[in-house]
Amino acid sequence: MMTQHVCADTMRSIAVLVAAAIAALFDAVSPDEADATAAVVVSCIIIVSLLPLLQGLYLTASEIWILTRRPPGDARVSLTV
């Protein structure tokens, strides 16, 4: 999880530099617009990259829920990959 945080911070820093360069090169783009657009792009990338993690959490929670709903004495173990 720490790696994703470091990666997100790095992406945001790079996005700020790119947004500043675009705002400096093009008069039609204000620095505020460039920064806001960069923030939205980075946020979308982060959300998309977290989808597999959320899917894994859901599957794990489903397995735990199934295992806790078994009657006492049922020794079967069902793990899916």
PDB file of N, CA and C in Angstrom:
ATOM      1  N   MET A   1       0.828  -1.192   0.000  1.00  0.00           N
ATOM      2  CA  MET A   1       0.000   0.000   0.000  1.00  0.00           C
ATOM      3  C   MET A   1       0.871   1.253   0.000  1.00  0.00           C
ATOM      4  N   MET A   2       2.006   1.173   0.681  1.00  0.00           N
ATOM      5  CA  MET A   2       2.899   2.325   0.732  1.00  0.00           C
ATOM      6  C   MET A   2       3.454   2.632  -0.655  1.00  0.00           C
ATOM      7  N   THR A   3       3.690   1.587  -1.456  1.00  0.00           N
ATOM      8  CA  THR A   3       4.211   1.789  -2.803  1.00  0.00           C
ATOM      9  C   THR A   3       3.222   2.578  -3.652  1.00  0.00           C
ATOM     10  N   GLN A   4       1.940   2.281  -3.521  1.00  0.00           N
ATOM     11  CA  GLN A   4       0.937   3.016  -4.286  1.00  0.00           C
ATOM     12  C   GLN A   4       0.899   4.481  -3.866  1.00  0.00           C
ATOM     13  N   HIS A   5       1.090   4.726  -2.584  1.00  0.00           N
ATOM     14  CA  HIS A   5       1.084   6.107  -2.095  1.00  0.00           C
ATOM     15  C   HIS A   5       2.269   6.877  -2.677  1.00  0.00           C
ATOM     16  N   VAL A   6       3.438   6.259  -2.669  1.00  0.00           N
ATOM     17  CA  VAL A   6       4.631   6.907  -3.222  1.00  0.00           C
ATOM     18  C   VAL A   6       4.455   7.133  -4.722  1.00  0.00           C
ATOM     19  N   CYS A   7       3.898   6.152  -5.413  1.00  0.00           N
ATOM     20  CA  CYS A   7       3.666   6.277  -6.852  1.00  0.00           C
ATOM     21  C   CYS A   7       2.663   7.406  -7.139  1.00  0.00           C
ATOM     22  N   ALA A   8       1.617   7.490  -6.344  1.00  0.00           N
ATOM     23  CA  ALA A   8       0.619   8.553  -6.533  1.00  0.00           C
ATOM     24  C   ALA A   8       1.239   9.931  -6.289  1.00  0.00           C
ATOM     25  N   ASP A   9       2.063  10.052  -5.257  1.00  0.00           N
ATOM     26  CA  ASP A   9       2.730  11.333  -4.996  1.00  0.00           C
ATOM     27  C   ASP A   9       3.668  11.708  -6.137  1.00  0.00           C
ATOM     28  N   THR A  10       4.376  10.716  -6.672  1.00  0.00           N
ATOM     29  CA  THR A  10       5.286  10.976  -7.778  1.00  0.00           C
ATOM     30  C   THR A  10       4.518  11.400  -9.026  1.00  0.00           C
ATOM     31  N   MET A  11       3.428  10.693  -9.317  1.00  0.00           N
ATOM     32  CA  MET A  11       2.609  11.068 -10.475  1.00  0.00           C
ATOM     33  C   MET A  11       2.070  12.486 -10.328  1.00  0.00           C
ATOM     34  N   ARG A  12       1.639  12.832  -9.130  1.00  0.00           N
ATOM     35  CA  ARG A  12       1.091  14.179  -8.908  1.00  0.00           C
ATOM     36  C   ARG A  12       2.175  15.234  -9.095  1.00  0.00           C
ATOM     37  N   SER A  13       3.379  14.956  -8.608  1.00  0.00           N
ATOM     38  CA  SER A  13       4.476  15.914  -8.775  1.00  0.00           C
ATOM     39  C   SER A  13       4.825  16.111 -10.246  1.00  0.00           C
ATOM     40  N   ILE A  14       4.881  15.012 -10.980  1.00  0.00           N
ATOM     41  CA  ILE A  14       5.171  15.101 -12.411  1.00  0.00           C
ATOM     42  C   ILE A  14       4.043  15.849 -13.124  1.00  0.00           C
ATOM     43  N   ALA A  15       2.813  15.580 -12.737  1.00  0.00           N
ATOM     44  CA  ALA A  15       1.663  16.257 -13.355  1.00  0.00           C
ATOM     45  C   ALA A  15       1.715  17.759 -13.102  1.00  0.00           C
ATOM     46  N   VAL A  16       2.146  18.170 -11.926  1.00  0.00           N
ATOM     47  CA  VAL A  16       2.262  19.603 -11.620  1.00  0.00           C
ATOM     48  C   VAL A  16       3.310  20.244 -12.522  1.00  0.00           C
ATOM     49  N   LEU A  17       4.427  19.551 -12.720  1.00  0.00           N
ATOM     50  CA  LEU A  17       5.472  20.095 -13.595  1.00  0.00           C
ATOM     51  C   LEU A  17       4.985  20.196 -15.043  1.00  0.00           C
ATOM     52  N   VAL A  18       4.297  19.172 -15.514  1.00  0.00           N
ATOM     53  CA  VAL A  18       3.767  19.192 -16.878  1.00  0.00           C
ATOM     54  C   VAL A  18       2.707  20.289 -17.015  1.00  0.00           C
ATOM     55  N   ALA A  19       1.849  20.420 -16.019  1.00  0.00           N
ATOM     56  CA  ALA A  19       0.813  21.467 -16.064  1.00  0.00           C
ATOM     57  C   ALA A  19       1.451  22.859 -16.077  1.00  0.00           C
ATOM     58  N   ALA A  20       2.495  23.037 -15.299  1.00  0.00           N
ATOM     59  CA  ALA A  20       3.173  24.340 -15.281  1.00  0.00           C
ATOM     60  C   ALA A  20       3.815  24.631 -16.634  1.00  0.00           C
ATOM     61  N   ALA A  21       4.399  23.616 -17.251  1.00  0.00           N
ATOM     62  CA  ALA A  21       5.022  23.813 -18.561  1.00  0.00           C
ATOM     63  C   ALA A  21       3.972  24.148 -19.616  1.00  0.00           C
ATOM     64  N   ILE A  22       2.847  23.445 -19.576  1.00  0.00           N
ATOM     65  CA  ILE A  22       1.771  23.719 -20.548  1.00  0.00           C
ATOM     66  C   ILE A  22       1.223  25.126 -20.349  1.00  0.00           C
ATOM     67  N   ALA A  23       1.031  25.525 -19.092  1.00  0.00           N
ATOM     68  CA  ALA A  23       0.508  26.867 -18.817  1.00  0.00           C
ATOM     69  C   ALA A  23       1.505  27.937 -19.247  1.00  0.00           C
ATOM     70  N   ALA A  24       2.806  27.643 -19.142  1.00  0.00           N
ATOM     71  CA  ALA A  24       3.814  28.615 -19.556  1.00  0.00           C
ATOM     72  C   ALA A  24       3.924  28.708 -21.081  1.00  0.00           C
ATOM     73  N   LEU A  25       3.714  27.584 -21.763  1.00  0.00           N
ATOM     74  CA  LEU A  25       3.871  27.572 -23.214  1.00  0.00           C
ATOM     75  C   LEU A  25       2.655  28.101 -23.962  1.00  0.00           C
ATOM     76  N   PHE A  26       1.479  27.881 -23.412  1.00  0.00           N
ATOM     77  CA  PHE A  26       0.249  28.259 -24.112  1.00  0.00           C
ATOM     78  C   PHE A  26      -0.499  29.324 -23.312  1.00  0.00           C
ATOM     79  N   ASP A  27      -0.691  30.466 -23.926  1.00  0.00           N
ATOM     80  CA  ASP A  27      -1.385  31.563 -23.242  1.00  0.00           C
ATOM     81  C   ASP A  27      -2.864  31.270 -23.021  1.00  0.00           C
ATOM     82  N   ALA A  28      -3.433  30.386 -23.834  1.00  0.00           N
ATOM     83  CA  ALA A  28      -4.858  30.077 -23.726  1.00  0.00           C
ATOM     84  C   ALA A  28      -5.172  29.231 -22.493  1.00  0.00           C
ATOM     85  N   VAL A  29      -4.151  28.624 -21.890  1.00  0.00           N
ATOM     86  CA  VAL A  29      -4.364  27.753 -20.726  1.00  0.00           C
ATOM     87  C   VAL A  29      -3.862  28.476 -19.478  1.00  0.00           C
ATOM     88  N   SER A  30      -4.776  28.659 -18.531  1.00  0.00           N
ATOM     89  CA  SER A  30      -4.361  29.304 -17.282  1.00  0.00           C
ATOM     90  C   SER A  30      -3.706  28.269 -16.369  1.00  0.00           C
ATOM     91  N   PRO A  31      -2.846  28.702 -15.461  1.00  0.00           N
ATOM     92  CA  PRO A  31      -2.213  27.768 -14.536  1.00  0.00           C
ATOM     93  C   PRO A  31      -3.233  27.000 -13.684  1.00  0.00           C
ATOM     94  N   ASP A  32      -4.310  27.664 -13.295  1.00  0.00           N
ATOM     95  CA  ASP A  32      -5.339  26.999 -12.491  1.00  0.00           C
ATOM     96  C   ASP A  32      -6.022  25.879 -13.269  1.00  0.00           C
ATOM     97  N   GLU A  33      -6.338  26.155 -14.531  1.00  0.00           N
ATOM     98  CA  GLU A  33      -6.972  25.130 -15.365  1.00  0.00           C
ATOM     99  C   GLU A  33      -6.043  23.944 -15.594  1.00  0.00           C
ATOM    100  N   ALA A  34      -4.782  24.241 -15.882  1.00  0.00           N
ATOM    101  CA  ALA A  34      -3.813  23.177 -16.135  1.00  0.00           C
ATOM    102  C   ALA A  34      -3.621  22.314 -14.888  1.00  0.00           C
ATOM    103  N   ASP A  35      -3.529  22.939 -13.732  1.00  0.00           N
ATOM    104  CA  ASP A  35      -3.339  22.191 -12.485  1.00  0.00           C
ATOM    105  C   ASP A  35      -4.567  21.350 -12.154  1.00  0.00           C
ATOM    106  N   ALA A  36      -5.741  21.917 -12.336  1.00  0.00           N
ATOM    107  CA  ALA A  36      -6.971  21.175 -12.049  1.00  0.00           C
ATOM    108  C   ALA A  36      -7.119  19.981 -12.983  1.00  0.00           C
ATOM    109  N   THR A  37      -6.819  20.182 -14.252  1.00  0.00           N
ATOM    110  CA  THR A  37      -6.901  19.079 -15.215  1.00  0.00           C
ATOM    111  C   THR A  37      -5.906  17.983 -14.874  1.00  0.00           C
ATOM    112  N   ALA A  38      -4.694  18.378 -14.504  1.00  0.00           N
ATOM    113  CA  ALA A  38      -3.679  17.393 -14.124  1.00  0.00           C
ATOM    114  C   ALA A  38      -4.115  16.611 -12.891  1.00  0.00           C
ATOM    115  N   ALA A  39      -4.727  17.281 -11.932  1.00  0.00           N
ATOM    116  CA  ALA A  39      -5.195  16.607 -10.722  1.00  0.00           C
ATOM    117  C   ALA A  39      -6.277  15.575 -11.045  1.00  0.00           C
ATOM    118  N   VAL A  40      -7.183  15.934 -11.948  1.00  0.00           N
ATOM    119  CA  VAL A  40      -8.252  15.004 -12.335  1.00  0.00           C
ATOM    120  C   VAL A  40      -7.673  13.798 -13.064  1.00  0.00           C
ATOM    121  N   VAL A  41      -6.720  14.028 -13.956  1.00  0.00           N
ATOM    122  CA  VAL A  41      -6.104  12.919 -14.699  1.00  0.00           C
ATOM    123  C   VAL A  41      -5.390  11.968 -13.747  1.00  0.00           C
ATOM    124  N   VAL A  42      -4.613  12.510 -12.830  1.00  0.00           N
ATOM    125  CA  VAL A  42      -3.898  11.664 -11.857  1.00  0.00           C
ATOM    126  C   VAL A  42      -4.892  10.912 -10.988  1.00  0.00           C
ATOM    127  N   SER A  43      -5.954  11.556 -10.564  1.00  0.00           N
ATOM    128  CA  SER A  43      -6.966  10.887  -9.738  1.00  0.00           C
ATOM    129  C   SER A  43      -7.613   9.730 -10.483  1.00  0.00           C
ATOM    130  N   CYS A  44      -7.905   9.918 -11.758  1.00  0.00           N
ATOM    131  CA  CYS A  44      -8.496   8.830 -12.557  1.00  0.00           C
ATOM    132  C   CYS A  44      -7.526   7.667 -12.698  1.00  0.00           C
ATOM    133  N   ILE A  45      -6.260   7.950 -12.918  1.00  0.00           N
ATOM    134  CA  ILE A  45      -5.257   6.890 -13.026  1.00  0.00           C
ATOM    135  C   ILE A  45      -5.168   6.116 -11.716  1.00  0.00           C
ATOM    136  N   ILE A  46      -5.193   6.813 -10.592  1.00  0.00           N
ATOM    137  CA  ILE A  46      -5.117   6.161  -9.286  1.00  0.00           C
ATOM    138  C   ILE A  46      -6.341   5.276  -9.067  1.00  0.00           C
ATOM    139  N   ILE A  47      -7.520   5.771  -9.391  1.00  0.00           N
ATOM    140  CA  ILE A  47      -8.745   4.982  -9.198  1.00  0.00           C
ATOM    141  C   ILE A  47      -8.713   3.718 -10.050  1.00  0.00           C
ATOM    142  N   VAL A  48      -8.300   3.850 -11.311  1.00  0.00           N
ATOM    143  CA  VAL A  48      -8.231   2.678 -12.192  1.00  0.00           C
ATOM    144  C   VAL A  48      -7.216   1.667 -11.665  1.00  0.00           C
ATOM    145  N   SER A  49      -6.091   2.154 -11.144  1.00  0.00           N
ATOM    146  CA  SER A  49      -5.074   1.229 -10.640  1.00  0.00           C
ATOM    147  C   SER A  49      -5.507   0.539  -9.345  1.00  0.00           C
ATOM    148  N   LEU A  50      -6.472   1.098  -8.644  1.00  0.00           N
ATOM    149  CA  LEU A  50      -6.946   0.489  -7.401  1.00  0.00           C
ATOM    150  C   LEU A  50      -8.054  -0.539  -7.622  1.00  0.00           C
ATOM    151  N   LEU A  51      -8.613  -0.616  -8.812  1.00  0.00           N
ATOM    152  CA  LEU A  51      -9.696  -1.563  -9.066  1.00  0.00           C
ATOM    153  C   LEU A  51      -9.306  -3.019  -8.778  1.00  0.00           C
ATOM    154  N   PRO A  52      -8.120  -3.500  -9.199  1.00  0.00           N
ATOM    155  CA  PRO A  52      -7.753  -4.878  -8.844  1.00  0.00           C
ATOM    156  C   PRO A  52      -7.635  -5.086  -7.336  1.00  0.00           C
ATOM    157  N   LEU A  53      -7.150  -4.092  -6.627  1.00  0.00           N
ATOM    158  CA  LEU A  53      -7.055  -4.196  -5.172  1.00  0.00           C
ATOM    159  C   LEU A  53      -8.446  -4.309  -4.556  1.00  0.00           C
ATOM    160  N   LEU A  54      -9.363  -3.487  -5.005  1.00  0.00           N
ATOM    161  CA  LEU A  54     -10.727  -3.545  -4.480  1.00  0.00           C
ATOM    162  C   LEU A  54     -11.402  -4.869  -4.814  1.00  0.00           C
ATOM    163  N   GLN A  55     -11.117  -5.399  -6.006  1.00  0.00           N
ATOM    164  CA  GLN A  55     -11.672  -6.699  -6.391  1.00  0.00           C
ATOM    165  C   GLN A  55     -11.137  -7.798  -5.467  1.00  0.00           C
ATOM    166  N   GLY A  56      -9.843  -7.759  -5.170  1.00  0.00           N
ATOM    167  CA  GLY A  56      -9.254  -8.737  -4.259  1.00  0.00           C
ATOM    168  C   GLY A  56      -9.831  -8.630  -2.860  1.00  0.00           C
ATOM    169  N   LEU A  57     -10.054  -7.414  -2.397  1.00  0.00           N
ATOM    170  CA  LEU A  57     -10.660  -7.231  -1.079  1.00  0.00           C
ATOM    171  C   LEU A  57     -12.076  -7.791  -1.046  1.00  0.00           C
ATOM    172  N   TYR A  58     -12.828  -7.573  -2.112  1.00  0.00           N
ATOM    173  CA  TYR A  58     -14.195  -8.095  -2.186  1.00  0.00           C
ATOM    174  C   TYR A  58     -14.194  -9.621  -2.165  1.00  0.00           C
ATOM    175  N   LEU A  59     -13.314 -10.230  -2.973  1.00  0.00           N
ATOM    176  CA  LEU A  59     -13.255 -11.691  -3.011  1.00  0.00           C
ATOM    177  C   LEU A  59     -12.856 -12.270  -1.657  1.00  0.00           C
ATOM    178  N   THR A  60     -11.892 -11.656  -0.991  1.00  0.00           N
ATOM    179  CA  THR A  60     -11.464 -12.113   0.326  1.00  0.00           C
ATOM    180  C   THR A  60     -12.597 -11.975   1.340  1.00  0.00           C
ATOM    181  N   ALA A  61     -13.278 -10.854   1.313  1.00  0.00           N
ATOM    182  CA  ALA A  61     -14.400 -10.651   2.234  1.00  0.00           C
ATOM    183  C   ALA A  61     -15.509 -11.668   1.969  1.00  0.00           C
ATOM    184  N   SER A  62     -15.751 -11.990   0.695  1.00  0.00           N
ATOM    185  CA  SER A  62     -16.767 -12.998   0.356  1.00  0.00           C
ATOM    186  C   SER A  62     -16.382 -14.366   0.896  1.00  0.00           C
ATOM    187  N   GLU A  63     -15.112 -14.739   0.754  1.00  0.00           N
ATOM    188  CA  GLU A  63     -14.643 -16.024   1.279  1.00  0.00           C
ATOM    189  C   GLU A  63     -14.773 -16.079   2.796  1.00  0.00           C
ATOM    190  N   ILE A  64     -14.402 -15.015   3.453  1.00  0.00           N
ATOM    191  CA  ILE A  64     -14.512 -14.977   4.922  1.00  0.00           C
ATOM    192  C   ILE A  64     -15.976 -15.079   5.332  1.00  0.00           C
ATOM    193  N   TRP A  65     -16.846 -14.375   4.634  1.00  0.00           N
ATOM    194  CA  TRP A  65     -18.270 -14.428   4.955  1.00  0.00           C
ATOM    195  C   TRP A  65     -18.803 -15.846   4.786  1.00  0.00           C
ATOM    196  N   ILE A  66     -18.412 -16.504   3.697  1.00  0.00           N
ATOM    197  CA  ILE A  66     -18.857 -17.882   3.462  1.00  0.00           C
ATOM    198  C   ILE A  66     -18.338 -18.812   4.551  1.00  0.00           C
ATOM    199  N   LEU A  67     -17.059 -18.677   4.898  1.00  0.00           N
ATOM    200  CA  LEU A  67     -16.469 -19.549   5.915  1.00  0.00           C
ATOM    201  C   LEU A  67     -17.098 -19.341   7.290  1.00  0.00           C
ATOM    202  N   THR A  68     -17.507 -18.124   7.608  1.00  0.00           N
ATOM    203  CA  THR A  68     -18.104 -17.870   8.927  1.00  0.00           C
ATOM    204  C   THR A  68     -19.564 -18.292   8.983  1.00  0.00           C
ATOM    205  N   ARG A  69     -20.196 -18.551   7.851  1.00  0.00           N
ATOM    206  CA  ARG A  69     -21.597 -18.949   7.819  1.00  0.00           C
ATOM    207  C   ARG A  69     -21.787 -20.463   7.835  1.00  0.00           C
ATOM    208  N   ARG A  70     -20.704 -21.218   7.834  1.00  0.00           N
ATOM    209  CA  ARG A  70     -20.799 -22.679   7.856  1.00  0.00           C
ATOM    210  C   ARG A  70     -21.240 -23.157   9.235  1.00  0.00           C
ATOM    211  N   PRO A  71     -21.958 -24.270   9.262  1.00  0.00           N
ATOM    212  CA  PRO A  71     -22.376 -24.805  10.557  1.00  0.00           C
ATOM    213  C   PRO A  71     -21.176 -25.310  11.362  1.00  0.00           C
ATOM    214  N   PRO A  72     -21.278 -25.293  12.688  1.00  0.00           N
ATOM    215  CA  PRO A  72     -20.173 -25.781  13.521  1.00  0.00           C
ATOM    216  C   PRO A  72     -19.857 -27.240  13.184  1.00  0.00           C
ATOM    217  N   GLY A  73     -18.592 -27.587  13.155  1.00  0.00           N
ATOM    218  CA  GLY A  73     -18.168 -28.942  12.871  1.00  0.00           C
ATOM    219  C   GLY A  73     -17.933 -29.218  11.398  1.00  0.00           C
ATOM    220  N   ASP A  74     -18.295 -28.304  10.525  1.00  0.00           N
ATOM    221  CA  ASP A  74     -18.061 -28.488   9.090  1.00  0.00           C
ATOM    222  C   ASP A  74     -16.605 -28.139   8.816  1.00  0.00           C
ATOM    223  N   ALA A  75     -15.798 -29.140   8.510  1.00  0.00           N
ATOM    224  CA  ALA A  75     -14.357 -28.951   8.388  1.00  0.00           C
ATOM    225  C   ALA A  75     -13.930 -28.659   6.957  1.00  0.00           C
ATOM    226  N   ARG A  76     -14.856 -28.543   6.034  1.00  0.00           N
ATOM    227  CA  ARG A  76     -14.456 -28.266   4.646  1.00  0.00           C
ATOM    228  C   ARG A  76     -13.831 -26.882   4.528  1.00  0.00           C
ATOM    229  N   VAL A  77     -12.825 -26.800   3.713  1.00  0.00           N
ATOM    230  CA  VAL A  77     -12.178 -25.522   3.446  1.00  0.00           C
ATOM    231  C   VAL A  77     -12.285 -25.267   1.957  1.00  0.00           C
ATOM    232  N   SER A  78     -12.778 -24.133   1.580  1.00  0.00           N
ATOM    233  CA  SER A  78     -12.944 -23.790   0.177  1.00  0.00           C
ATOM    234  C   SER A  78     -12.216 -22.483  -0.095  1.00  0.00           C
ATOM    235  N   LEU A  79     -11.120 -22.597  -0.819  1.00  0.00           N
ATOM    236  CA  LEU A  79     -10.380 -21.408  -1.196  1.00  0.00           C
ATOM    237  C   LEU A  79     -10.377 -21.305  -2.710  1.00  0.00           C
ATOM    238  N   THR A  80     -10.730 -20.147  -3.224  1.00  0.00           N
ATOM    239  CA  THR A  80     -10.697 -19.942  -4.669  1.00  0.00           C
ATOM    240  C   THR A  80      -9.592 -18.991  -5.021  1.00  0.00           C
ATOM    241  N   VAL A  81      -9.075 -19.161  -6.197  1.00  0.00           N
ATOM    242  CA  VAL A  81      -7.991 -18.289  -6.644  1.00  0.00           C
ATOM    243  C   VAL A  81      -8.453 -17.471  -7.804  1.00  0.00           C
TER     244      VAL A  81
END
